[in-house]
């Protein structure tokens, strides 16, 4: 399986202008985000990304400021007051109606610490509504085959329902990647995802903040991220042929001075090539191989990257 996707997919229109428009809502909630470039990971909309061949989307949610709807966030940066999780899901449903032979994976992650029972219940109701039951693959703990997934959404659950009675967890579909078991900033995570078969694992690289020295320039953290990324991709091509591999090409180092933004890590600065350029070159060396799921930032900025990925297993 080779599936390209977008990391922090809802950040595509998070400009400084939008941040300024949302500042009063953010302040009302006690949030003071820094420069918008520290949060923005995409410039193409979800619809544009679907059209380009992206099939996996990383969606990060929490309550809106009024605690009435689930909306999208990146850290302490509110992405929109009006684009709700429920509404965006209906956009995916419509797209699948128009493309019934396609399959989509949606990863949902609660973005703020310590979700309450209300947050968990709100997401549960969205993901088990009559519409969701029609469009979401209803299997639990297994990817199934492509035929079963066509015209459907496979759910990756990077959230827990531990504040609700057990029957809620037992009745929601998808693959569960508990945030309590997800190692923060790790280049090599091994997680079980099938409660009925403890021998099935996902091998994940989520080294999103290179642990390189501060003020070491741009090339050093890019090289560190590239090494971690390609190591997991290489494992996907050579080991565990029946297991799930999931790699993030995205990264940032905004605590540096000056801050190294997601865009700089992905695309470089004109002198130093970014992670995406390195990834494109690396993919040329593994034609015909499986690399798994790869989530990228600013996919369109590196010409030919998506085409290289989609062409991996073409005859």
C-alpha atoms as a PDB file:
ATOM      1  CA  UNK A   1       0.000   0.000   0.000  1.00  0.00           C
ATOM      2  CA  UNK A   2       1.307   3.418  -1.002  1.00  0.00           C
ATOM      3  CA  UNK A   3      -0.896   6.309   0.061  1.00  0.00           C
ATOM      4  CA  UNK A   4       0.142   9.977   0.075  1.00  0.00           C
ATOM      5  CA  UNK A   5      -1.588  12.431   2.359  1.00  0.00           C
ATOM      6  CA  UNK A   6      -1.429  15.802   4.057  1.00  0.00           C
ATOM      7  CA  UNK A   7      -0.329  16.598   7.591  1.00  0.00           C
ATOM      8  CA  UNK A   8      -2.447  19.098   9.533  1.00  0.00           C
ATOM      9  CA  UNK A   9      -4.773  19.262   6.552  1.00  0.00           C
ATOM     10  CA  UNK A  10      -7.037  22.002   7.935  1.00  0.00           C
ATOM     11  CA  UNK A  11      -4.262  24.620   8.060  1.00  0.00           C
ATOM     12  CA  UNK A  12      -4.355  25.299   4.309  1.00  0.00           C
ATOM     13  CA  UNK A  13      -5.797  28.825   4.556  1.00  0.00           C
ATOM     14  CA  UNK A  14      -4.296  29.857   7.886  1.00  0.00           C
ATOM     15  CA  UNK A  15      -2.739  33.171   6.887  1.00  0.00           C
ATOM     16  CA  UNK A  16      -1.757  36.062   9.121  1.00  0.00           C
ATOM     17  CA  UNK A  17      -4.869  37.875   7.897  1.00  0.00           C
ATOM     18  CA  UNK A  18      -7.056  35.008   9.095  1.00  0.00           C
ATOM     19  CA  UNK A  19      -5.219  34.812  12.393  1.00  0.00           C
ATOM     20  CA  UNK A  20      -5.817  38.521  12.946  1.00  0.00           C
ATOM     21  CA  UNK A  21      -9.511  38.061  12.183  1.00  0.00           C
ATOM     22  CA  UNK A  22      -9.704  35.302  14.797  1.00  0.00           C
ATOM     23  CA  UNK A  23      -7.661  37.062  17.479  1.00  0.00           C
ATOM     24  CA  UNK A  24     -10.602  38.121  19.628  1.00  0.00           C
ATOM     25  CA  UNK A  25     -12.059  34.626  19.617  1.00  0.00           C
ATOM     26  CA  UNK A  26      -8.636  33.226  20.438  1.00  0.00           C
ATOM     27  CA  UNK A  27      -8.179  35.647  23.323  1.00  0.00           C
ATOM     28  CA  UNK A  28     -11.632  34.776  24.629  1.00  0.00           C
ATOM     29  CA  UNK A  29     -10.475  31.181  24.847  1.00  0.00           C
ATOM     30  CA  UNK A  30      -7.190  32.133  26.460  1.00  0.00           C
ATOM     31  CA  UNK A  31      -5.045  31.467  23.390  1.00  0.00           C
ATOM     32  CA  UNK A  32      -2.336  33.718  21.938  1.00  0.00           C
ATOM     33  CA  UNK A  33      -0.840  32.006  18.881  1.00  0.00           C
ATOM     34  CA  UNK A  34       2.464  33.202  17.458  1.00  0.00           C
ATOM     35  CA  UNK A  35       3.123  34.051  13.804  1.00  0.00           C
ATOM     36  CA  UNK A  36       0.790  32.191  11.445  1.00  0.00           C
ATOM     37  CA  UNK A  37       3.708  30.661   9.514  1.00  0.00           C
ATOM     38  CA  UNK A  38       4.552  28.623  12.599  1.00  0.00           C
ATOM     39  CA  UNK A  39       1.234  26.778  12.229  1.00  0.00           C
ATOM     40  CA  UNK A  40       0.532  26.642   8.518  1.00  0.00           C
ATOM     41  CA  UNK A  41       1.399  23.297   6.918  1.00  0.00           C
ATOM     42  CA  UNK A  42      -0.581  23.421   3.663  1.00  0.00           C
ATOM     43  CA  UNK A  43      -1.542  25.925   0.990  1.00  0.00           C
ATOM     44  CA  UNK A  44      -3.856  23.680  -1.010  1.00  0.00           C
ATOM     45  CA  UNK A  45      -7.386  22.961   0.148  1.00  0.00           C
ATOM     46  CA  UNK A  46      -8.604  19.494   1.001  1.00  0.00           C
ATOM     47  CA  UNK A  47     -10.544  19.465  -2.280  1.00  0.00           C
ATOM     48  CA  UNK A  48      -7.414  20.400  -4.233  1.00  0.00           C
ATOM     49  CA  UNK A  49      -5.442  17.729  -2.411  1.00  0.00           C
ATOM     50  CA  UNK A  50      -8.033  15.078  -3.215  1.00  0.00           C
ATOM     51  CA  UNK A  51      -7.910  16.131  -6.846  1.00  0.00           C
ATOM     52  CA  UNK A  52      -4.131  15.768  -6.891  1.00  0.00           C
ATOM     53  CA  UNK A  53      -4.240  12.208  -5.548  1.00  0.00           C
ATOM     54  CA  UNK A  54      -3.914  12.707  -1.801  1.00  0.00           C
ATOM     55  CA  UNK A  55      -5.935  10.087   0.048  1.00  0.00           C
ATOM     56  CA  UNK A  56      -4.977  10.438   3.721  1.00  0.00           C
ATOM     57  CA  UNK A  57      -5.867  13.493   5.801  1.00  0.00           C
ATOM     58  CA  UNK A  58      -4.659  14.467   9.258  1.00  0.00           C
ATOM     59  CA  UNK A  59      -7.457  16.356  11.050  1.00  0.00           C
ATOM     60  CA  UNK A  60      -6.934  17.927  14.467  1.00  0.00           C
ATOM     61  CA  UNK A  61      -9.964  19.039  16.404  1.00  0.00           C
ATOM     62  CA  UNK A  62     -11.208  20.519  19.679  1.00  0.00           C
ATOM     63  CA  UNK A  63     -14.172  22.525  20.911  1.00  0.00           C
ATOM     64  CA  UNK A  64     -14.750  25.942  19.427  1.00  0.00           C
ATOM     65  CA  UNK A  65     -14.513  28.865  21.843  1.00  0.00           C
ATOM     66  CA  UNK A  66     -18.195  28.582  22.766  1.00  0.00           C
ATOM     67  CA  UNK A  67     -17.958  24.796  23.284  1.00  0.00           C
ATOM     68  CA  UNK A  68     -20.847  24.152  20.927  1.00  0.00           C
ATOM     69  CA  UNK A  69     -19.098  22.610  17.894  1.00  0.00           C
ATOM     70  CA  UNK A  70     -15.938  20.676  17.142  1.00  0.00           C
ATOM     71  CA  UNK A  71     -13.679  22.715  14.877  1.00  0.00           C
ATOM     72  CA  UNK A  72     -10.088  22.498  13.695  1.00  0.00           C
ATOM     73  CA  UNK A  73      -7.012  23.656  15.562  1.00  0.00           C
ATOM     74  CA  UNK A  74      -3.248  23.438  15.230  1.00  0.00           C
ATOM     75  CA  UNK A  75      -1.886  23.722  18.729  1.00  0.00           C
ATOM     76  CA  UNK A  76      -3.210  26.973  20.174  1.00  0.00           C
ATOM     77  CA  UNK A  77      -4.160  28.310  16.740  1.00  0.00           C
ATOM     78  CA  UNK A  78      -7.874  28.213  15.933  1.00  0.00           C
ATOM     79  CA  UNK A  79      -8.217  27.503  12.207  1.00  0.00           C
ATOM     80  CA  UNK A  80     -11.816  28.602  11.691  1.00  0.00           C
ATOM     81  CA  UNK A  81     -14.922  29.513  13.653  1.00  0.00           C
ATOM     82  CA  UNK A  82     -17.253  28.155  10.993  1.00  0.00           C
ATOM     83  CA  UNK A  83     -15.652  25.062   9.409  1.00  0.00           C
ATOM     84  CA  UNK A  84     -16.821  22.304  11.728  1.00  0.00           C
ATOM     85  CA  UNK A  85     -15.725  18.683  11.827  1.00  0.00           C
ATOM     86  CA  UNK A  86     -19.245  17.602  10.898  1.00  0.00           C
ATOM     87  CA  UNK A  87     -19.407  19.915   7.881  1.00  0.00           C
ATOM     88  CA  UNK A  88     -16.006  18.861   6.540  1.00  0.00           C
ATOM     89  CA  UNK A  89     -17.009  15.216   6.814  1.00  0.00           C
ATOM     90  CA  UNK A  90     -20.015  15.901   4.610  1.00  0.00           C
ATOM     91  CA  UNK A  91     -17.583  17.354   2.084  1.00  0.00           C
ATOM     92  CA  UNK A  92     -15.742  14.035   2.046  1.00  0.00           C
ATOM     93  CA  UNK A  93     -19.030  12.154   1.710  1.00  0.00           C
ATOM     94  CA  UNK A  94     -19.941  14.240  -1.325  1.00  0.00           C
ATOM     95  CA  UNK A  95     -16.541  13.652  -2.896  1.00  0.00           C
ATOM     96  CA  UNK A  96     -16.916   9.902  -2.441  1.00  0.00           C
ATOM     97  CA  UNK A  97     -20.333  10.038  -4.110  1.00  0.00           C
ATOM     98  CA  UNK A  98     -18.583  11.555  -7.125  1.00  0.00           C
ATOM     99  CA  UNK A  99     -15.647   9.115  -6.934  1.00  0.00           C
ATOM    100  CA  UNK A 100     -17.118   5.797  -5.716  1.00  0.00           C
ATOM    101  CA  UNK A 101     -14.053   3.766  -6.703  1.00  0.00           C
ATOM    102  CA  UNK A 102     -11.753   5.776  -4.428  1.00  0.00           C
ATOM    103  CA  UNK A 103     -10.877   5.176  -0.773  1.00  0.00           C
ATOM    104  CA  UNK A 104      -9.923   7.754   1.847  1.00  0.00           C
ATOM    105  CA  UNK A 105      -8.294   7.531   5.277  1.00  0.00           C
ATOM    106  CA  UNK A 106      -9.057  10.193   7.882  1.00  0.00           C
ATOM    107  CA  UNK A 107      -6.948  10.491  11.023  1.00  0.00           C
ATOM    108  CA  UNK A 108      -8.613  12.379  13.870  1.00  0.00           C
ATOM    109  CA  UNK A 109      -6.549  13.715  16.755  1.00  0.00           C
ATOM    110  CA  UNK A 110      -7.723  15.795  19.711  1.00  0.00           C
ATOM    111  CA  UNK A 111      -5.465  18.836  19.698  1.00  0.00           C
ATOM    112  CA  UNK A 112      -5.659  20.108  23.264  1.00  0.00           C
ATOM    113  CA  UNK A 113      -4.692  18.368  26.473  1.00  0.00           C
ATOM    114  CA  UNK A 114      -7.181  16.627  28.711  1.00  0.00           C
ATOM    115  CA  UNK A 115     -10.326  16.251  26.591  1.00  0.00           C
ATOM    116  CA  UNK A 116     -13.518  16.077  28.589  1.00  0.00           C
ATOM    117  CA  UNK A 117     -16.381  13.634  28.253  1.00  0.00           C
ATOM    118  CA  UNK A 118     -18.343  16.193  26.260  1.00  0.00           C
ATOM    119  CA  UNK A 119     -15.626  16.390  23.613  1.00  0.00           C
ATOM    120  CA  UNK A 120     -15.482  12.617  23.350  1.00  0.00           C
ATOM    121  CA  UNK A 121     -19.255  12.328  23.106  1.00  0.00           C
ATOM    122  CA  UNK A 122     -19.476  15.041  20.457  1.00  0.00           C
ATOM    123  CA  UNK A 123     -16.956  13.281  18.224  1.00  0.00           C
ATOM    124  CA  UNK A 124     -18.540   9.890  18.851  1.00  0.00           C
ATOM    125  CA  UNK A 125     -21.911  11.209  17.700  1.00  0.00           C
ATOM    126  CA  UNK A 126     -20.394  12.698  14.535  1.00  0.00           C
ATOM    127  CA  UNK A 127     -18.573   9.466  13.660  1.00  0.00           C
ATOM    128  CA  UNK A 128     -21.540   7.182  14.344  1.00  0.00           C
ATOM    129  CA  UNK A 129     -24.314   9.269  12.788  1.00  0.00           C
ATOM    130  CA  UNK A 130     -26.483   7.653  10.084  1.00  0.00           C
ATOM    131  CA  UNK A 131     -24.426   9.411   7.411  1.00  0.00           C
ATOM    132  CA  UNK A 132     -21.159   8.297   8.979  1.00  0.00           C
ATOM    133  CA  UNK A 133     -22.349   4.698   9.142  1.00  0.00           C
ATOM    134  CA  UNK A 134     -22.999   4.844   5.410  1.00  0.00           C
ATOM    135  CA  UNK A 135     -19.595   6.227   4.462  1.00  0.00           C
ATOM    136  CA  UNK A 136     -17.209   4.927   7.135  1.00  0.00           C
ATOM    137  CA  UNK A 137     -15.817   1.412   6.904  1.00  0.00           C
ATOM    138  CA  UNK A 138     -17.454  -0.251   9.893  1.00  0.00           C
ATOM    139  CA  UNK A 139     -14.709  -2.768  10.609  1.00  0.00           C
ATOM    140  CA  UNK A 140     -12.777  -2.384  13.855  1.00  0.00           C
ATOM    141  CA  UNK A 141      -9.049  -2.937  14.155  1.00  0.00           C
ATOM    142  CA  UNK A 142      -8.439  -3.978  10.574  1.00  0.00           C
ATOM    143  CA  UNK A 143      -7.787  -2.259   7.260  1.00  0.00           C
ATOM    144  CA  UNK A 144      -9.608  -4.922   5.258  1.00  0.00           C
ATOM    145  CA  UNK A 145      -9.099  -5.021   1.516  1.00  0.00           C
ATOM    146  CA  UNK A 146      -9.374  -2.318  -1.124  1.00  0.00           C
ATOM    147  CA  UNK A 147     -12.709  -3.607  -2.382  1.00  0.00           C
ATOM    148  CA  UNK A 148     -14.269  -3.112   1.042  1.00  0.00           C
ATOM    149  CA  UNK A 149     -12.769   0.377   1.322  1.00  0.00           C
ATOM    150  CA  UNK A 150     -13.837   1.744  -2.073  1.00  0.00           C
ATOM    151  CA  UNK A 151     -16.295   4.581  -1.755  1.00  0.00           C
ATOM    152  CA  UNK A 152     -15.605   4.674   1.985  1.00  0.00           C
ATOM    153  CA  UNK A 153     -13.563   6.372   4.683  1.00  0.00           C
ATOM    154  CA  UNK A 154     -11.287   4.318   6.903  1.00  0.00           C
ATOM    155  CA  UNK A 155     -10.978   5.932  10.309  1.00  0.00           C
ATOM    156  CA  UNK A 156      -7.687   6.264  12.181  1.00  0.00           C
ATOM    157  CA  UNK A 157      -8.532   7.163  15.786  1.00  0.00           C
ATOM    158  CA  UNK A 158      -5.758   9.111  17.465  1.00  0.00           C
ATOM    159  CA  UNK A 159      -8.123   9.773  20.358  1.00  0.00           C
ATOM    160  CA  UNK A 160      -9.540   7.849  23.282  1.00  0.00           C
ATOM    161  CA  UNK A 161     -13.099   7.462  24.520  1.00  0.00           C
ATOM    162  CA  UNK A 162     -11.967   6.570  28.019  1.00  0.00           C
ATOM    163  CA  UNK A 163     -14.260   9.092  29.725  1.00  0.00           C
ATOM    164  CA  UNK A 164     -17.334   7.373  28.284  1.00  0.00           C
ATOM    165  CA  UNK A 165     -18.781   3.961  29.178  1.00  0.00           C
ATOM    166  CA  UNK A 166     -16.994   0.986  27.573  1.00  0.00           C
ATOM    167  CA  UNK A 167     -19.757   0.370  25.047  1.00  0.00           C
ATOM    168  CA  UNK A 168     -18.858   3.575  23.215  1.00  0.00           C
ATOM    169  CA  UNK A 169     -15.319   2.423  22.539  1.00  0.00           C
ATOM    170  CA  UNK A 170     -16.633  -0.995  21.546  1.00  0.00           C
ATOM    171  CA  UNK A 171     -19.062   0.408  18.978  1.00  0.00           C
ATOM    172  CA  UNK A 172     -16.931   2.911  17.058  1.00  0.00           C
ATOM    173  CA  UNK A 173     -15.195   1.682  13.894  1.00  0.00           C
ATOM    174  CA  UNK A 174     -11.647   2.160  12.707  1.00  0.00           C
ATOM    175  CA  UNK A 175      -8.103   1.604  13.902  1.00  0.00           C
ATOM    176  CA  UNK A 176      -7.301   2.897  17.373  1.00  0.00           C
ATOM    177  CA  UNK A 177      -3.944   4.585  17.977  1.00  0.00           C
ATOM    178  CA  UNK A 178      -4.263   5.716  21.575  1.00  0.00           C
ATOM    179  CA  UNK A 179      -2.454   8.999  22.294  1.00  0.00           C
ATOM    180  CA  UNK A 180      -1.389   7.446  25.597  1.00  0.00           C
ATOM    181  CA  UNK A 181       0.673   4.885  23.673  1.00  0.00           C
ATOM    182  CA  UNK A 182       1.916   7.235  20.938  1.00  0.00           C
ATOM    183  CA  UNK A 183       5.523   8.166  21.728  1.00  0.00           C
ATOM    184  CA  UNK A 184       5.965  11.916  21.326  1.00  0.00           C
ATOM    185  CA  UNK A 185       8.475  13.024  18.674  1.00  0.00           C
ATOM    186  CA  UNK A 186       9.692   9.510  17.970  1.00  0.00           C
ATOM    187  CA  UNK A 187      11.347   8.276  14.761  1.00  0.00           C
ATOM    188  CA  UNK A 188      10.267   4.697  15.423  1.00  0.00           C
ATOM    189  CA  UNK A 189       6.914   3.963  17.072  1.00  0.00           C
ATOM    190  CA  UNK A 190       5.462   0.448  17.195  1.00  0.00           C
ATOM    191  CA  UNK A 191       1.766   0.367  18.077  1.00  0.00           C
ATOM    192  CA  UNK A 192      -0.780  -2.466  18.145  1.00  0.00           C
ATOM    193  CA  UNK A 193      -4.000  -1.487  16.418  1.00  0.00           C
ATOM    194  CA  UNK A 194      -6.153  -4.625  16.334  1.00  0.00           C
ATOM    195  CA  UNK A 195      -7.716  -5.555  19.696  1.00  0.00           C
ATOM    196  CA  UNK A 196      -8.534  -9.009  18.317  1.00  0.00           C
ATOM    197  CA  UNK A 197      -4.979  -9.738  17.165  1.00  0.00           C
ATOM    198  CA  UNK A 198      -2.155  -8.418  19.376  1.00  0.00           C
ATOM    199  CA  UNK A 199       0.424  -9.501  16.789  1.00  0.00           C
ATOM    200  CA  UNK A 200      -0.615  -6.802  14.302  1.00  0.00           C
ATOM    201  CA  UNK A 201       1.354  -3.571  14.541  1.00  0.00           C
ATOM    202  CA  UNK A 202       1.739  -0.201  12.900  1.00  0.00           C
ATOM    203  CA  UNK A 203       5.261   1.143  12.435  1.00  0.00           C
ATOM    204  CA  UNK A 204       5.162   4.921  12.653  1.00  0.00           C
ATOM    205  CA  UNK A 205       7.682   7.728  12.257  1.00  0.00           C
ATOM    206  CA  UNK A 206       6.511  10.989  13.845  1.00  0.00           C
ATOM    207  CA  UNK A 207       9.794  12.812  14.435  1.00  0.00           C
ATOM    208  CA  UNK A 208       8.235  16.238  13.978  1.00  0.00           C
ATOM    209  CA  UNK A 209      10.679  18.367  15.976  1.00  0.00           C
ATOM    210  CA  UNK A 210      14.316  17.481  15.205  1.00  0.00           C
ATOM    211  CA  UNK A 211      16.373  17.309  18.386  1.00  0.00           C
ATOM    212  CA  UNK A 212      19.309  19.081  16.789  1.00  0.00           C
ATOM    213  CA  UNK A 213      21.152  21.937  18.539  1.00  0.00           C
ATOM    214  CA  UNK A 214      19.534  25.348  18.357  1.00  0.00           C
ATOM    215  CA  UNK A 215      21.012  27.864  15.924  1.00  0.00           C
ATOM    216  CA  UNK A 216      22.696  25.117  13.917  1.00  0.00           C
ATOM    217  CA  UNK A 217      21.198  26.421  10.688  1.00  0.00           C
ATOM    218  CA  UNK A 218      18.509  24.978   8.450  1.00  0.00           C
ATOM    219  CA  UNK A 219      20.435  22.126   6.855  1.00  0.00           C
ATOM    220  CA  UNK A 220      21.084  20.300  10.137  1.00  0.00           C
ATOM    221  CA  UNK A 221      17.446  19.770  11.248  1.00  0.00           C
ATOM    222  CA  UNK A 222      16.422  19.017   7.653  1.00  0.00           C
ATOM    223  CA  UNK A 223      19.094  16.317   7.454  1.00  0.00           C
ATOM    224  CA  UNK A 224      17.995  14.902  10.811  1.00  0.00           C
ATOM    225  CA  UNK A 225      14.361  14.738   9.719  1.00  0.00           C
ATOM    226  CA  UNK A 226      15.245  13.271   6.320  1.00  0.00           C
ATOM    227  CA  UNK A 227      17.277  10.521   7.988  1.00  0.00           C
ATOM    228  CA  UNK A 228      14.393   9.548  10.285  1.00  0.00           C
ATOM    229  CA  UNK A 229      11.868   9.672   7.437  1.00  0.00           C
ATOM    230  CA  UNK A 230      13.829   7.533   4.996  1.00  0.00           C
ATOM    231  CA  UNK A 231      14.761   5.044   7.723  1.00  0.00           C
ATOM    232  CA  UNK A 232      11.083   4.243   8.295  1.00  0.00           C
ATOM    233  CA  UNK A 233      10.375   4.196   4.568  1.00  0.00           C
ATOM    234  CA  UNK A 234      13.257   1.770   4.094  1.00  0.00           C
ATOM    235  CA  UNK A 235      11.826  -0.454   6.822  1.00  0.00           C
ATOM    236  CA  UNK A 236       8.545  -0.434   4.925  1.00  0.00           C
ATOM    237  CA  UNK A 237      10.266  -1.680   1.768  1.00  0.00           C
ATOM    238  CA  UNK A 238      12.233  -4.440   3.474  1.00  0.00           C
ATOM    239  CA  UNK A 239      10.418  -5.679   6.602  1.00  0.00           C
ATOM    240  CA  UNK A 240       6.975  -6.727   7.863  1.00  0.00           C
ATOM    241  CA  UNK A 241       5.294  -6.947   4.431  1.00  0.00           C
ATOM    242  CA  UNK A 242       1.806  -7.390   5.891  1.00  0.00           C
ATOM    243  CA  UNK A 243       1.976  -4.590   8.454  1.00  0.00           C
ATOM    244  CA  UNK A 244       1.007  -0.917   8.358  1.00  0.00           C
ATOM    245  CA  UNK A 245       3.709   1.722   7.890  1.00  0.00           C
ATOM    246  CA  UNK A 246       2.920   5.380   8.497  1.00  0.00           C
ATOM    247  CA  UNK A 247       5.481   8.147   8.061  1.00  0.00           C
ATOM    248  CA  UNK A 248       5.313  11.908   8.525  1.00  0.00           C
ATOM    249  CA  UNK A 249       7.470  13.983   6.179  1.00  0.00           C
ATOM    250  CA  UNK A 250       6.356  17.060   8.128  1.00  0.00           C
ATOM    251  CA  UNK A 251       8.448  18.800  10.757  1.00  0.00           C
ATOM    252  CA  UNK A 252       9.223  22.138  12.373  1.00  0.00           C
ATOM    253  CA  UNK A 253      11.635  23.776  14.787  1.00  0.00           C
ATOM    254  CA  UNK A 254       9.891  26.966  15.775  1.00  0.00           C
ATOM    255  CA  UNK A 255      11.718  27.231  19.095  1.00  0.00           C
ATOM    256  CA  UNK A 256      14.877  28.097  17.173  1.00  0.00           C
ATOM    257  CA  UNK A 257      15.969  31.686  16.581  1.00  0.00           C
ATOM    258  CA  UNK A 258      14.919  32.621  14.016  1.00  0.00           C
ATOM    259  CA  UNK A 259      12.069  30.074  14.003  1.00  0.00           C
ATOM    260  CA  UNK A 260      12.278  27.279  11.437  1.00  0.00           C
ATOM    261  CA  UNK A 261       8.737  26.934  10.125  1.00  0.00           C
ATOM    262  CA  UNK A 262       7.019  23.906   8.584  1.00  0.00           C
ATOM    263  CA  UNK A 263       7.367  25.551   5.165  1.00  0.00           C
ATOM    264  CA  UNK A 264      11.132  25.964   5.595  1.00  0.00           C
ATOM    265  CA  UNK A 265      11.560  22.351   6.684  1.00  0.00           C
ATOM    266  CA  UNK A 266       9.480  21.086   3.765  1.00  0.00           C
ATOM    267  CA  UNK A 267      10.787  23.357   1.014  1.00  0.00           C
ATOM    268  CA  UNK A 268      14.101  24.771   2.222  1.00  0.00           C
ATOM    269  CA  UNK A 269      15.109  28.389   1.788  1.00  0.00           C
ATOM    270  CA  UNK A 270      16.398  28.580  -1.782  1.00  0.00           C
ATOM    271  CA  UNK A 271      19.900  27.613  -0.713  1.00  0.00           C
ATOM    272  CA  UNK A 272      19.196  24.489   1.303  1.00  0.00           C
ATOM    273  CA  UNK A 273      16.824  21.923  -0.183  1.00  0.00           C
ATOM    274  CA  UNK A 274      13.921  20.844   1.981  1.00  0.00           C
ATOM    275  CA  UNK A 275      12.684  17.454   3.137  1.00  0.00           C
ATOM    276  CA  UNK A 276      10.272  17.206   0.203  1.00  0.00           C
ATOM    277  CA  UNK A 277      13.046  17.512  -2.383  1.00  0.00           C
ATOM    278  CA  UNK A 278      15.003  14.814  -0.603  1.00  0.00           C
ATOM    279  CA  UNK A 279      11.928  12.600  -0.415  1.00  0.00           C
ATOM    280  CA  UNK A 280      11.260  12.937  -4.132  1.00  0.00           C
ATOM    281  CA  UNK A 281      14.807  11.909  -4.937  1.00  0.00           C
ATOM    282  CA  UNK A 282      14.668   8.978  -2.536  1.00  0.00           C
ATOM    283  CA  UNK A 283      11.423   7.677  -4.019  1.00  0.00           C
ATOM    284  CA  UNK A 284      13.148   7.361  -7.385  1.00  0.00           C
ATOM    285  CA  UNK A 285      15.343   4.645  -5.856  1.00  0.00           C
ATOM    286  CA  UNK A 286      12.499   2.375  -4.714  1.00  0.00           C
ATOM    287  CA  UNK A 287      10.365   1.931  -7.819  1.00  0.00           C
ATOM    288  CA  UNK A 288       7.990  -0.982  -7.427  1.00  0.00           C
ATOM    289  CA  UNK A 289       8.278  -1.013  -3.639  1.00  0.00           C
ATOM    290  CA  UNK A 290       5.809  -0.374  -0.830  1.00  0.00           C
ATOM    291  CA  UNK A 291       6.472   2.605   1.435  1.00  0.00           C
ATOM    292  CA  UNK A 292       3.079   2.830   3.165  1.00  0.00           C
ATOM    293  CA  UNK A 293       1.333   6.040   4.183  1.00  0.00           C
ATOM    294  CA  UNK A 294       3.335   9.259   3.929  1.00  0.00           C
ATOM    295  CA  UNK A 295       1.950  12.603   5.120  1.00  0.00           C
ATOM    296  CA  UNK A 296       3.631  15.734   3.770  1.00  0.00           C
ATOM    297  CA  UNK A 297       3.513  19.499   4.165  1.00  0.00           C
ATOM    298  CA  UNK A 298       3.191  21.812   1.142  1.00  0.00           C
ATOM    299  CA  UNK A 299       3.107  18.926  -1.322  1.00  0.00           C
ATOM    300  CA  UNK A 300       2.614  21.152  -4.378  1.00  0.00           C
ATOM    301  CA  UNK A 301       5.748  23.225  -3.701  1.00  0.00           C
ATOM    302  CA  UNK A 302       8.011  20.363  -4.818  1.00  0.00           C
ATOM    303  CA  UNK A 303       7.100  19.796  -8.460  1.00  0.00           C
ATOM    304  CA  UNK A 304       6.692  16.130  -9.286  1.00  0.00           C
ATOM    305  CA  UNK A 305       6.640  14.862  -5.693  1.00  0.00           C
ATOM    306  CA  UNK A 306       3.087  13.540  -5.770  1.00  0.00           C
ATOM    307  CA  UNK A 307       3.555  12.072  -9.246  1.00  0.00           C
ATOM    308  CA  UNK A 308       6.700  10.286  -8.081  1.00  0.00           C
ATOM    309  CA  UNK A 309       4.812   8.824  -5.148  1.00  0.00           C
ATOM    310  CA  UNK A 310       1.781   7.757  -7.171  1.00  0.00           C
ATOM    311  CA  UNK A 311       4.042   6.182  -9.786  1.00  0.00           C
ATOM    312  CA  UNK A 312       5.891   3.927  -7.357  1.00  0.00           C
ATOM    313  CA  UNK A 313       4.032   0.758  -8.234  1.00  0.00           C
ATOM    314  CA  UNK A 314       2.802   1.574 -11.717  1.00  0.00           C
ATOM    315  CA  UNK A 315       3.872  -0.958 -14.362  1.00  0.00           C
END
